[in-house]
Amino acid sequence: MSTEATFQRHVRALSEGIDAVMADYTPESVFFTPDGPLRGLAPIRAFLDAFLTASPPELLRAMTVVRLDVDGELAYVLWKAEPFMPIEADTFLVREGKILAQTFARHGAPPAPAGGPAASAGAA
């Protein structure tokens, strides 16, 4: 599977739940976050599950890819989910249809829990 096809599958998986998202990673995957790297399935799952759980449904529906550049096994994506996340960036290293490494850069605060004060006010 190509890097771009893997990325597109990963984006679709976000609306399908944590098990679908995690199918794109391997036990050797590394996910670089603003708080440091996460190695292996359990820490990556915990991070992504917390993100998906905290994100109001409107955030996932608002996700838009601004730019996607793919070069071989590497993909760089610039995306947004306004008004929750004005601009974000991820980089993926993909091999044989699996994400071996991912970087994530956040601009601003993480999303508030669904139904929380920021979510009901329409801002994160």
N, C-alpha and C. Protein backbone atom coordinates (compact mmCIF):
# COMPACT_ATOMS: atom_id res chain seq x y z
N MET A 1 0.86 -1.17 0.00
CA MET A 1 0.00 0.00 0.00
C MET A 1 0.91 1.23 0.00
N SER A 2 0.56 2.21 -0.79
CA SER A 2 1.37 3.43 -0.89
C SER A 2 1.26 4.28 0.38
N THR A 3 2.21 5.18 0.53
CA THR A 3 2.20 6.09 1.67
C THR A 3 0.93 6.92 1.67
N GLU A 4 0.55 7.47 0.51
CA GLU A 4 -0.66 8.29 0.46
C GLU A 4 -1.91 7.47 0.77
N ALA A 5 -2.00 6.25 0.25
CA ALA A 5 -3.16 5.40 0.54
C ALA A 5 -3.22 5.05 2.03
N THR A 6 -2.06 4.82 2.64
CA THR A 6 -2.03 4.54 4.08
C THR A 6 -2.51 5.76 4.85
N PHE A 7 -2.05 6.94 4.46
CA PHE A 7 -2.49 8.17 5.14
C PHE A 7 -4.00 8.34 5.00
N GLN A 8 -4.54 8.16 3.80
CA GLN A 8 -5.98 8.32 3.58
C GLN A 8 -6.77 7.32 4.43
N ARG A 9 -6.28 6.09 4.52
CA ARG A 9 -6.95 5.08 5.37
C ARG A 9 -6.91 5.52 6.83
N HIS A 10 -5.77 6.09 7.25
CA HIS A 10 -5.61 6.55 8.63
C HIS A 10 -6.61 7.67 8.95
N VAL A 11 -6.79 8.59 8.04
CA VAL A 11 -7.76 9.69 8.24
C VAL A 11 -9.17 9.12 8.38
N ARG A 12 -9.54 8.20 7.51
CA ARG A 12 -10.87 7.57 7.61
C ARG A 12 -11.04 6.86 8.95
N ALA A 13 -9.97 6.21 9.42
CA ALA A 13 -10.04 5.45 10.67
C ALA A 13 -10.36 6.33 11.86
N LEU A 14 -10.01 7.62 11.82
CA LEU A 14 -10.29 8.51 12.94
C LEU A 14 -11.77 8.54 13.29
N SER A 15 -12.63 8.41 12.29
CA SER A 15 -14.07 8.43 12.56
C SER A 15 -14.62 7.04 12.88
N GLU A 16 -13.75 6.02 12.77
CA GLU A 16 -14.19 4.65 13.02
C GLU A 16 -13.84 4.15 14.41
N GLY A 17 -13.01 4.90 15.13
CA GLY A 17 -12.68 4.51 16.50
C GLY A 17 -11.23 4.10 16.67
N ILE A 18 -10.85 3.95 17.93
CA ILE A 18 -9.45 3.74 18.28
C ILE A 18 -8.90 2.44 17.70
N ASP A 19 -9.69 1.37 17.64
CA ASP A 19 -9.17 0.11 17.09
C ASP A 19 -8.80 0.26 15.63
N ALA A 20 -9.61 0.97 14.86
CA ALA A 20 -9.30 1.21 13.45
C ALA A 20 -8.06 2.07 13.30
N VAL A 21 -7.92 3.08 14.14
CA VAL A 21 -6.74 3.95 14.10
C VAL A 21 -5.49 3.14 14.41
N MET A 22 -5.54 2.32 15.44
CA MET A 22 -4.36 1.58 15.88
C MET A 22 -3.93 0.50 14.89
N ALA A 23 -4.82 0.08 14.01
CA ALA A 23 -4.46 -0.91 12.99
C ALA A 23 -3.35 -0.40 12.07
N ASP A 24 -3.12 0.91 12.05
CA ASP A 24 -2.10 1.49 11.18
C ASP A 24 -0.70 1.48 11.81
N TYR A 25 -0.57 1.13 13.07
CA TYR A 25 0.71 1.17 13.79
C TYR A 25 1.23 -0.24 14.03
N THR A 26 2.52 -0.33 14.37
CA THR A 26 3.16 -1.61 14.70
C THR A 26 3.70 -1.53 16.13
N PRO A 27 4.07 -2.66 16.71
CA PRO A 27 4.68 -2.62 18.05
C PRO A 27 5.97 -1.79 18.09
N GLU A 28 6.61 -1.60 16.94
CA GLU A 28 7.86 -0.82 16.88
C GLU A 28 7.62 0.65 16.54
N SER A 29 6.38 1.06 16.31
CA SER A 29 6.08 2.44 15.93
C SER A 29 6.49 3.42 17.03
N VAL A 30 6.90 4.62 16.58
CA VAL A 30 7.25 5.71 17.49
C VAL A 30 6.41 6.91 17.09
N PHE A 31 5.79 7.56 18.07
CA PHE A 31 4.94 8.73 17.85
C PHE A 31 5.56 9.88 18.64
N PHE A 32 6.08 10.89 17.92
CA PHE A 32 6.71 12.04 18.56
C PHE A 32 5.67 13.11 18.83
N THR A 33 5.51 13.47 20.11
CA THR A 33 4.53 14.47 20.52
C THR A 33 5.27 15.66 21.12
N PRO A 34 4.57 16.77 21.34
CA PRO A 34 5.20 17.91 22.02
C PRO A 34 5.74 17.56 23.41
N ASP A 35 5.23 16.49 24.01
CA ASP A 35 5.67 16.08 25.34
C ASP A 35 6.73 14.98 25.32
N GLY A 36 7.18 14.60 24.12
CA GLY A 36 8.20 13.56 23.99
C GLY A 36 7.70 12.37 23.19
N PRO A 37 8.61 11.45 22.85
CA PRO A 37 8.23 10.30 22.02
C PRO A 37 7.48 9.23 22.79
N LEU A 38 6.58 8.59 22.08
CA LEU A 38 5.84 7.43 22.60
C LEU A 38 6.26 6.23 21.76
N ARG A 39 6.73 5.17 22.41
CA ARG A 39 7.21 3.99 21.69
C ARG A 39 6.30 2.80 21.97
N GLY A 40 5.80 2.20 20.90
CA GLY A 40 4.99 1.00 21.04
C GLY A 40 3.49 1.28 21.05
N LEU A 41 2.74 0.21 20.92
CA LEU A 41 1.29 0.34 20.75
C LEU A 41 0.56 0.89 21.98
N ALA A 42 0.91 0.45 23.17
CA ALA A 42 0.16 0.88 24.36
C ALA A 42 0.24 2.39 24.59
N PRO A 43 1.43 3.01 24.58
CA PRO A 43 1.48 4.46 24.80
C PRO A 43 0.84 5.26 23.65
N ILE A 44 1.02 4.77 22.43
CA ILE A 44 0.41 5.47 21.28
C ILE A 44 -1.11 5.38 21.39
N ARG A 45 -1.61 4.21 21.73
CA ARG A 45 -3.06 4.04 21.90
C ARG A 45 -3.60 4.96 22.99
N ALA A 46 -2.92 5.04 24.12
CA ALA A 46 -3.37 5.90 25.22
C ALA A 46 -3.44 7.36 24.77
N PHE A 47 -2.42 7.82 24.05
CA PHE A 47 -2.39 9.20 23.57
C PHE A 47 -3.53 9.47 22.60
N LEU A 48 -3.68 8.60 21.60
CA LEU A 48 -4.71 8.82 20.58
C LEU A 48 -6.12 8.63 21.14
N ASP A 49 -6.28 7.67 22.04
CA ASP A 49 -7.59 7.47 22.66
C ASP A 49 -7.99 8.70 23.48
N ALA A 50 -7.02 9.27 24.21
CA ALA A 50 -7.30 10.49 24.98
C ALA A 50 -7.70 11.63 24.05
N PHE A 51 -6.99 11.75 22.92
CA PHE A 51 -7.32 12.80 21.94
C PHE A 51 -8.73 12.60 21.38
N LEU A 52 -9.04 11.38 20.95
CA LEU A 52 -10.35 11.11 20.37
C LEU A 52 -11.46 11.27 21.40
N THR A 53 -11.22 10.85 22.63
CA THR A 53 -12.22 10.96 23.69
C THR A 53 -12.47 12.43 24.05
N ALA A 54 -11.41 13.22 24.08
CA ALA A 54 -11.53 14.63 24.46
C ALA A 54 -12.09 15.50 23.33
N SER A 55 -12.01 15.01 22.11
CA SER A 55 -12.44 15.82 20.96
C SER A 55 -13.95 15.79 20.80
N PRO A 56 -14.57 16.96 20.72
CA PRO A 56 -16.01 16.97 20.44
C PRO A 56 -16.24 16.43 19.02
N PRO A 57 -17.39 15.82 18.76
CA PRO A 57 -17.67 15.27 17.43
C PRO A 57 -17.49 16.31 16.32
N GLU A 58 -17.75 17.56 16.62
CA GLU A 58 -17.61 18.62 15.63
C GLU A 58 -16.16 18.79 15.18
N LEU A 59 -15.22 18.49 16.07
CA LEU A 59 -13.80 18.62 15.70
C LEU A 59 -13.45 17.65 14.59
N LEU A 60 -13.82 16.39 14.73
CA LEU A 60 -13.51 15.41 13.69
C LEU A 60 -14.18 15.76 12.37
N ARG A 61 -15.40 16.26 12.43
CA ARG A 61 -16.09 16.66 11.19
C ARG A 61 -15.44 17.88 10.55
N ALA A 62 -14.79 18.71 11.36
CA ALA A 62 -14.17 19.94 10.85
C ALA A 62 -12.75 19.72 10.32
N MET A 63 -12.20 18.53 10.50
CA MET A 63 -10.82 18.27 10.06
C MET A 63 -10.71 18.43 8.54
N THR A 64 -9.75 19.25 8.14
CA THR A 64 -9.51 19.53 6.72
C THR A 64 -8.01 19.48 6.45
N VAL A 65 -7.62 18.75 5.43
CA VAL A 65 -6.22 18.73 5.02
C VAL A 65 -5.95 19.99 4.21
N VAL A 66 -5.00 20.78 4.66
CA VAL A 66 -4.61 22.01 3.98
C VAL A 66 -3.54 21.69 2.93
N ARG A 67 -2.62 20.80 3.28
CA ARG A 67 -1.54 20.43 2.37
C ARG A 67 -1.07 19.02 2.71
N LEU A 68 -0.84 18.23 1.68
CA LEU A 68 -0.29 16.89 1.84
C LEU A 68 0.83 16.73 0.83
N ASP A 69 2.04 16.50 1.33
CA ASP A 69 3.20 16.23 0.49
C ASP A 69 3.69 14.82 0.78
N VAL A 70 3.87 14.03 -0.26
CA VAL A 70 4.34 12.66 -0.11
C VAL A 70 5.58 12.48 -0.98
N ASP A 71 6.62 11.90 -0.37
CA ASP A 71 7.85 11.58 -1.09
C ASP A 71 8.30 10.20 -0.63
N GLY A 72 8.00 9.20 -1.43
CA GLY A 72 8.36 7.83 -1.06
C GLY A 72 7.63 7.40 0.19
N GLU A 73 8.40 7.08 1.24
CA GLU A 73 7.82 6.59 2.49
C GLU A 73 7.43 7.71 3.45
N LEU A 74 7.71 8.96 3.07
CA LEU A 74 7.43 10.10 3.95
C LEU A 74 6.20 10.88 3.50
N ALA A 75 5.42 11.31 4.48
CA ALA A 75 4.26 12.17 4.21
C ALA A 75 4.26 13.30 5.22
N TYR A 76 4.02 14.50 4.74
CA TYR A 76 3.88 15.69 5.59
C TYR A 76 2.47 16.20 5.36
N VAL A 77 1.74 16.41 6.45
CA VAL A 77 0.37 16.92 6.32
C VAL A 77 0.19 18.12 7.22
N LEU A 78 -0.39 19.16 6.64
CA LEU A 78 -0.79 20.35 7.36
C LEU A 78 -2.31 20.31 7.37
N TRP A 79 -2.92 20.40 8.55
CA TRP A 79 -4.37 20.27 8.64
C TRP A 79 -4.92 21.22 9.68
N LYS A 80 -6.24 21.37 9.64
CA LYS A 80 -6.92 22.22 10.62
C LYS A 80 -8.28 21.62 10.93
N ALA A 81 -8.85 22.07 12.04
CA ALA A 81 -10.20 21.69 12.44
C ALA A 81 -10.79 22.91 13.14
N GLU A 82 -11.09 23.91 12.36
CA GLU A 82 -11.56 25.19 12.93
C GLU A 82 -12.99 25.04 13.45
N PRO A 83 -13.29 25.67 14.56
CA PRO A 83 -12.52 26.63 15.33
C PRO A 83 -11.66 25.99 16.42
N PHE A 84 -11.62 24.67 16.48
CA PHE A 84 -10.96 23.97 17.58
C PHE A 84 -9.43 23.97 17.47
N MET A 85 -8.94 23.72 16.28
CA MET A 85 -7.50 23.61 16.05
C MET A 85 -7.17 24.38 14.77
N PRO A 86 -6.59 25.58 14.91
CA PRO A 86 -6.40 26.45 13.74
C PRO A 86 -5.41 25.91 12.71
N ILE A 87 -4.35 25.26 13.14
CA ILE A 87 -3.41 24.66 12.20
C ILE A 87 -2.55 23.65 12.97
N GLU A 88 -2.38 22.49 12.40
CA GLU A 88 -1.61 21.40 12.99
C GLU A 88 -0.74 20.80 11.90
N ALA A 89 0.31 20.09 12.31
CA ALA A 89 1.18 19.43 11.35
C ALA A 89 1.55 18.05 11.84
N ASP A 90 1.56 17.09 10.93
CA ASP A 90 2.01 15.74 11.21
C ASP A 90 2.96 15.30 10.11
N THR A 91 3.90 14.47 10.47
CA THR A 91 4.78 13.82 9.50
C THR A 91 4.70 12.33 9.76
N PHE A 92 4.66 11.55 8.69
CA PHE A 92 4.53 10.10 8.81
C PHE A 92 5.66 9.41 8.04
N LEU A 93 6.22 8.37 8.63
CA LEU A 93 7.11 7.44 7.93
C LEU A 93 6.31 6.16 7.80
N VAL A 94 6.03 5.78 6.55
CA VAL A 94 5.15 4.64 6.27
C VAL A 94 5.94 3.58 5.49
N ARG A 95 5.81 2.34 5.94
CA ARG A 95 6.44 1.24 5.22
C ARG A 95 5.48 0.06 5.21
N GLU A 96 5.26 -0.48 4.02
CA GLU A 96 4.37 -1.64 3.84
C GLU A 96 3.00 -1.42 4.47
N GLY A 97 2.47 -0.20 4.30
CA GLY A 97 1.12 0.11 4.77
C GLY A 97 0.98 0.36 6.25
N LYS A 98 2.09 0.49 6.97
CA LYS A 98 2.05 0.74 8.41
C LYS A 98 2.82 2.01 8.75
N ILE A 99 2.36 2.73 9.77
CA ILE A 99 3.04 3.94 10.24
C ILE A 99 4.13 3.50 11.20
N LEU A 100 5.39 3.70 10.78
CA LEU A 100 6.52 3.35 11.63
C LEU A 100 6.88 4.49 12.57
N ALA A 101 6.72 5.73 12.08
CA ALA A 101 7.00 6.90 12.90
C ALA A 101 6.05 8.01 12.50
N GLN A 102 5.67 8.81 13.48
CA GLN A 102 4.79 9.95 13.25
C GLN A 102 5.22 11.08 14.16
N THR A 103 5.21 12.29 13.63
CA THR A 103 5.41 13.47 14.46
C THR A 103 4.10 14.25 14.48
N PHE A 104 3.88 14.94 15.58
CA PHE A 104 2.66 15.74 15.73
C PHE A 104 3.04 17.07 16.37
N ALA A 105 2.68 18.16 15.72
CA ALA A 105 2.91 19.49 16.28
C ALA A 105 1.57 20.16 16.48
N ARG A 106 1.35 20.65 17.68
CA ARG A 106 0.07 21.27 18.05
C ARG A 106 0.25 22.78 18.15
N HIS A 107 -0.69 23.50 17.60
CA HIS A 107 -0.73 24.95 17.75
C HIS A 107 -1.88 25.26 18.69
N GLY A 108 -1.58 25.79 19.86
CA GLY A 108 -2.63 26.11 20.81
C GLY A 108 -2.92 24.96 21.74
N ALA A 109 -4.00 25.08 22.48
CA ALA A 109 -4.37 24.11 23.50
C ALA A 109 -5.01 22.89 22.86
N PRO A 110 -4.90 21.72 23.51
CA PRO A 110 -5.61 20.53 23.02
C PRO A 110 -7.11 20.73 23.17
N PRO A 111 -7.90 19.92 22.47
CA PRO A 111 -9.35 20.08 22.57
C PRO A 111 -9.85 19.81 23.98
N ALA A 112 -10.90 20.52 24.36
CA ALA A 112 -11.54 20.30 25.65
C ALA A 112 -12.38 19.04 25.56
N PRO A 113 -12.61 18.36 26.68
CA PRO A 113 -13.46 17.17 26.64
C PRO A 113 -14.84 17.49 26.06
N ALA A 114 -15.38 16.52 25.33
CA ALA A 114 -16.71 16.70 24.73
C ALA A 114 -17.69 17.05 25.83
N GLY A 115 -18.47 18.09 25.60
CA GLY A 115 -19.46 18.53 26.55
C GLY A 115 -18.92 19.44 27.63
N GLY A 116 -17.59 19.66 27.62
CA GLY A 116 -16.97 20.54 28.61
C GLY A 116 -17.22 21.99 28.26
N PRO A 117 -16.79 22.92 29.09
CA PRO A 117 -17.06 24.34 28.89
C PRO A 117 -16.54 24.85 27.56
N ALA A 118 -15.32 24.48 27.16
CA ALA A 118 -14.79 25.00 25.89
C ALA A 118 -15.55 24.40 24.72
N ALA A 119 -15.93 23.13 24.82
CA ALA A 119 -16.66 22.51 23.73
C ALA A 119 -18.01 23.18 23.53
N SER A 120 -18.71 23.46 24.63
CA SER A 120 -20.02 24.09 24.50
C SER A 120 -19.92 25.53 24.06
N ALA A 121 -18.78 26.17 24.31
CA ALA A 121 -18.59 27.55 23.86
C ALA A 121 -18.11 27.61 22.42
N GLY A 122 -17.77 26.44 21.84
CA GLY A 122 -17.36 26.40 20.45
C GLY A 122 -15.89 26.75 20.26
N ALA A 123 -15.08 26.70 21.30
CA ALA A 123 -13.65 26.98 21.16
C ALA A 123 -12.87 26.04 22.03
N ALA A 124 -11.62 25.83 21.63
CA ALA A 124 -10.76 24.94 22.43
C ALA A 124 -9.53 25.70 22.86
